[in-house]
Amino acid sequence: MTGAPQQDLTLAGARLAARASGALWWEAERLLCVADLHFGKSERVARRGGALLPPYETAETLDRLAAEILRLAPAVVVCLGDSFDDLDCADALAPRDADRLAALAAGRDWVWIAGNHDPGPLALPGAHLAELRRGGLVFRHAAAAETEAGEVSGHFHPKFRLSARGRAIVRACFLHDSRRLILPAFGAYTGGLRADHPALLALFEAPARAILTGEPCVCVPMPRRA
């Protein structure tokens, strides 16, 4: 049985949808936003002497991104930084994956926001920006300690742990309050920070919510440590 494919929310007057996939959809602007794709992570780990992970995460992440683009037909796609695990991963992108990215970007505006893993310019189609301001929202890689209302960011890879029928379940999640929204990592090979970590709690004011990815896509109060 499948559940809700998204949860609606409002930020700085903009009506948004947190998708079960981990993508953010802004229908009024036909804008699709994803965070922390981390293309090439298996190649970067192997290059630095780490574990040899199956090198399929870029193709899997592209499959999921292509599915959302097919469903929603966005005019604008915004990638919130750390799209590549490092700059060498961008250079090592397989030709088939580069061609697929180019095909996804064709006919729409594509914006690459600089992240801490990929701060430099990328030799790929689209605009390369430090941040994007549009319709009362500001899109950047990492949340600012003090920010104006309407900030959309990634970077932290938030995750939520819950219990169901006696077993623990961990899901990637969106976190938001009235001022800001943090997206989950969209990439296939990504870890995460628990939603009740002090670094995340410090960024949000009560009442804040967590929207869990997967189906059903559910909304719960953001956990607070005692």
Protein backbone atom coordinates (compact mmCIF):
# COMPACT_ATOMS: atom_id res chain seq x y z
CA MET A 1 0.00 0.00 0.00
CA THR A 2 1.36 3.41 -0.90
CA GLY A 3 0.75 6.59 1.05
CA ALA A 4 0.97 10.31 0.56
CA PRO A 5 3.56 11.26 -2.10
CA GLN A 6 4.16 14.67 -0.50
CA GLN A 7 3.41 17.01 2.39
CA ASP A 8 2.49 20.64 1.78
CA LEU A 9 4.03 23.52 3.70
CA THR A 10 4.27 27.31 3.48
CA LEU A 11 7.51 29.26 3.81
CA ALA A 12 7.69 33.06 3.49
CA GLY A 13 4.35 32.99 1.69
CA ALA A 14 5.46 30.35 -0.83
CA ARG A 15 3.37 27.19 -1.01
CA LEU A 16 5.78 24.25 -1.29
CA ALA A 17 5.57 20.47 -1.34
CA ALA A 18 8.06 18.19 0.41
CA ARG A 19 8.14 15.12 -1.82
CA ALA A 20 8.44 11.53 -0.62
CA SER A 21 11.56 11.28 -2.82
CA GLY A 22 13.36 13.99 -0.82
CA ALA A 23 12.88 16.65 -3.52
CA LEU A 24 11.13 19.98 -2.94
CA TRP A 25 8.49 21.18 -5.41
CA TRP A 26 7.37 24.81 -5.80
CA GLU A 27 4.44 24.53 -8.17
CA ALA A 28 3.82 28.26 -8.66
CA GLU A 29 7.37 28.67 -9.99
CA ARG A 30 7.58 25.18 -11.54
CA LEU A 31 10.78 24.80 -9.56
CA LEU A 32 12.22 21.48 -8.41
CA CYS A 33 14.94 21.58 -5.74
CA VAL A 34 17.23 18.79 -4.53
CA ALA A 35 20.14 18.81 -2.09
CA ASP A 36 23.39 16.90 -1.68
CA LEU A 37 23.41 14.59 -4.69
CA HIS A 38 27.04 13.59 -3.97
CA PHE A 39 27.62 12.16 -7.43
CA GLY A 40 30.80 10.05 -7.56
CA LYS A 41 31.04 9.21 -3.86
CA SER A 42 32.12 5.60 -4.47
CA GLU A 43 34.88 6.79 -6.83
CA ARG A 44 36.10 9.37 -4.31
CA VAL A 45 36.15 6.86 -1.43
CA ALA A 46 38.13 4.35 -3.53
CA ARG A 47 40.52 7.04 -4.78
CA ARG A 48 41.36 7.97 -1.18
CA GLY A 49 42.04 4.38 -0.15
CA GLY A 50 38.68 3.61 1.42
CA ALA A 51 36.22 0.77 0.92
CA LEU A 52 35.41 -0.33 -2.62
CA LEU A 53 31.70 0.50 -2.83
CA PRO A 54 29.61 -0.67 -5.79
CA PRO A 55 29.93 2.21 -8.31
CA TYR A 56 26.24 2.60 -9.03
CA GLU A 57 25.17 5.51 -6.85
CA THR A 58 25.39 8.15 -9.58
CA ALA A 59 23.13 6.13 -11.90
CA GLU A 60 20.69 5.41 -9.05
CA THR A 61 20.53 9.06 -8.03
CA LEU A 62 20.03 10.10 -11.64
CA ASP A 63 17.21 7.55 -11.97
CA ARG A 64 15.39 9.07 -9.00
CA LEU A 65 15.98 12.63 -10.20
CA ALA A 66 14.81 11.77 -13.73
CA ALA A 67 11.64 10.21 -12.29
CA GLU A 68 10.75 13.42 -10.44
CA ILE A 69 11.48 15.53 -13.53
CA LEU A 70 9.24 13.26 -15.62
CA ARG A 71 6.41 13.49 -13.07
CA LEU A 72 6.57 17.24 -12.49
CA ALA A 73 8.03 18.75 -15.71
CA PRO A 74 9.85 21.60 -13.90
CA ALA A 75 10.95 24.74 -15.69
CA VAL A 76 13.74 25.24 -13.13
CA VAL A 77 15.91 22.71 -11.28
CA VAL A 78 18.01 23.90 -8.33
CA CYS A 79 20.75 21.67 -6.88
CA LEU A 80 21.68 22.94 -3.41
CA GLY A 81 25.40 22.17 -3.41
CA ASP A 82 27.52 19.08 -2.80
CA SER A 83 26.18 17.83 -6.09
CA PHE A 84 29.55 16.08 -6.48
CA ASP A 85 31.49 14.44 -3.69
CA ASP A 86 34.50 16.56 -4.69
CA LEU A 87 35.67 18.47 -7.76
CA ASP A 88 37.61 15.47 -9.09
CA CYS A 89 34.34 13.52 -9.16
CA ALA A 90 32.92 16.09 -11.57
CA ASP A 91 35.92 15.60 -13.85
CA ALA A 92 35.57 11.80 -13.56
CA LEU A 93 31.86 11.76 -14.41
CA ALA A 94 31.22 8.92 -16.88
CA PRO A 95 30.25 10.15 -20.37
CA ARG A 96 26.89 8.34 -20.17
CA ASP A 97 26.09 10.13 -16.90
CA ALA A 98 27.23 13.50 -18.26
CA ASP A 99 25.05 12.97 -21.34
CA ARG A 100 22.10 12.05 -19.15
CA LEU A 101 22.52 15.17 -17.02
CA ALA A 102 22.69 17.29 -20.18
CA ALA A 103 19.48 15.68 -21.44
CA LEU A 104 17.70 16.36 -18.12
CA ALA A 105 18.84 20.00 -18.22
CA ALA A 106 17.78 20.58 -21.84
CA GLY A 107 14.91 23.03 -22.19
CA ARG A 108 14.90 24.19 -18.57
CA ASP A 109 16.91 26.46 -16.28
CA TRP A 110 19.39 24.45 -14.21
CA VAL A 111 21.11 26.03 -11.21
CA TRP A 112 24.11 24.55 -9.42
CA ILE A 113 24.57 26.10 -5.96
CA ALA A 114 28.15 25.87 -4.64
CA GLY A 115 28.66 23.49 -1.72
CA ASN A 116 31.53 22.73 0.63
CA HIS A 117 32.43 19.60 -1.37
CA ASP A 118 32.21 21.30 -4.77
CA PRO A 119 32.89 25.03 -4.30
CA GLY A 120 34.41 25.68 -7.71
CA PRO A 121 32.80 26.10 -11.14
CA LEU A 122 31.60 22.96 -12.92
CA ALA A 123 31.95 22.26 -16.63
CA LEU A 124 28.28 21.29 -16.93
CA PRO A 125 25.24 23.04 -18.41
CA GLY A 126 23.51 25.57 -16.18
CA ALA A 127 24.18 28.54 -13.94
CA HIS A 128 26.73 28.24 -11.11
CA LEU A 129 25.84 30.44 -8.13
CA ALA A 130 26.72 30.92 -4.47
CA GLU A 131 23.01 31.30 -3.74
CA LEU A 132 19.74 31.97 -5.56
CA ARG A 133 17.04 34.43 -4.52
CA ARG A 134 13.61 33.96 -6.04
CA GLY A 135 10.12 35.03 -5.03
CA GLY A 136 10.88 35.66 -1.36
CA LEU A 137 13.00 32.52 -0.91
CA VAL A 138 16.78 32.20 -0.74
CA PHE A 139 18.38 28.93 -1.82
CA ARG A 140 21.84 28.19 -0.42
CA HIS A 141 23.91 25.16 0.52
CA ALA A 142 24.12 25.52 4.31
CA ALA A 143 21.82 27.29 6.73
CA ALA A 144 23.10 30.58 8.13
CA ALA A 145 23.21 30.91 11.91
CA GLU A 146 21.11 34.07 11.63
CA THR A 147 18.90 34.28 8.59
CA GLU A 148 15.95 36.08 7.10
CA ALA A 149 12.68 34.22 6.62
CA GLY A 150 12.51 32.04 3.54
CA GLU A 151 15.83 30.17 3.63
CA VAL A 152 16.01 26.81 1.83
CA SER A 153 19.19 24.77 2.30
CA GLY A 154 20.74 21.30 2.54
CA HIS A 155 24.18 20.25 3.85
CA PHE A 156 23.16 18.46 7.08
CA HIS A 157 21.46 15.36 5.56
CA PRO A 158 18.87 15.24 8.40
CA LYS A 159 17.46 11.85 9.41
CA PHE A 160 14.71 10.81 11.81
CA ARG A 161 14.60 7.65 13.94
CA LEU A 162 11.28 6.20 15.00
CA SER A 163 9.93 2.89 16.27
CA ALA A 164 7.24 0.90 14.48
CA ARG A 165 5.98 -2.51 15.60
CA GLY A 166 8.96 -2.99 17.86
CA ARG A 167 11.68 -2.15 15.37
CA ALA A 168 13.66 0.99 14.69
CA ILE A 169 13.23 2.76 11.36
CA VAL A 170 15.49 5.58 10.12
CA ARG A 171 14.29 7.87 7.36
CA ALA A 172 15.79 10.92 5.73
CA CYS A 173 13.68 13.97 6.48
CA PHE A 174 12.96 17.62 5.80
CA LEU A 175 13.10 19.98 8.80
CA HIS A 176 11.30 23.31 8.91
CA ASP A 177 9.88 26.06 11.03
CA SER A 178 8.37 29.41 10.05
CA ARG A 179 11.73 30.82 8.86
CA ARG A 180 13.73 28.07 7.21
CA LEU A 181 13.65 24.66 5.58
CA ILE A 182 16.45 22.08 5.40
CA LEU A 183 16.21 19.36 2.76
CA PRO A 184 17.37 15.75 3.14
CA ALA A 185 20.23 14.47 1.01
CA PHE A 186 18.95 13.21 -2.35
CA GLY A 187 22.07 11.16 -3.15
CA ALA A 188 22.04 7.38 -2.89
CA TYR A 189 25.25 6.99 -0.82
CA THR A 190 24.77 9.57 1.91
CA GLY A 191 24.82 9.35 5.68
CA GLY A 192 22.98 11.78 7.87
CA LEU A 193 22.67 13.76 11.08
CA ARG A 194 19.93 12.90 13.55
CA ALA A 195 17.16 15.46 13.65
CA ASP A 196 17.70 15.96 17.38
CA HIS A 197 21.42 16.75 17.00
CA PRO A 198 22.34 20.02 18.79
CA ALA A 199 23.64 21.54 15.54
CA LEU A 200 20.17 21.18 14.02
CA LEU A 201 18.20 22.05 17.14
CA ALA A 202 20.07 25.35 17.35
CA LEU A 203 18.75 26.39 13.93
CA PHE A 204 15.03 25.93 14.56
CA GLU A 205 12.41 27.59 16.70
CA ALA A 206 9.46 25.71 18.19
CA PRO A 207 7.16 24.53 16.83
CA ALA A 208 9.31 22.91 14.14
CA ARG A 209 8.37 19.88 12.06
CA ALA A 210 10.08 16.92 10.45
CA ILE A 211 8.66 15.56 7.20
CA LEU A 212 9.82 12.00 6.65
CA THR A 213 10.68 10.82 3.15
CA GLY A 214 9.38 7.57 1.69
CA GLU A 215 5.78 6.48 1.47
CA PRO A 216 3.79 7.33 3.36
CA CYS A 217 5.39 10.78 3.50
CA VAL A 218 4.43 11.83 7.03
CA CYS A 219 4.83 14.94 9.15
CA VAL A 220 5.78 14.76 12.85
CA PRO A 221 7.02 17.26 15.44
CA MET A 222 10.76 17.85 15.31
CA PRO A 223 12.29 16.01 18.27
CA ARG A 224 13.66 18.11 21.11
CA ARG A 225 16.29 16.89 23.56
CA ALA A 226 15.47 17.28 27.25
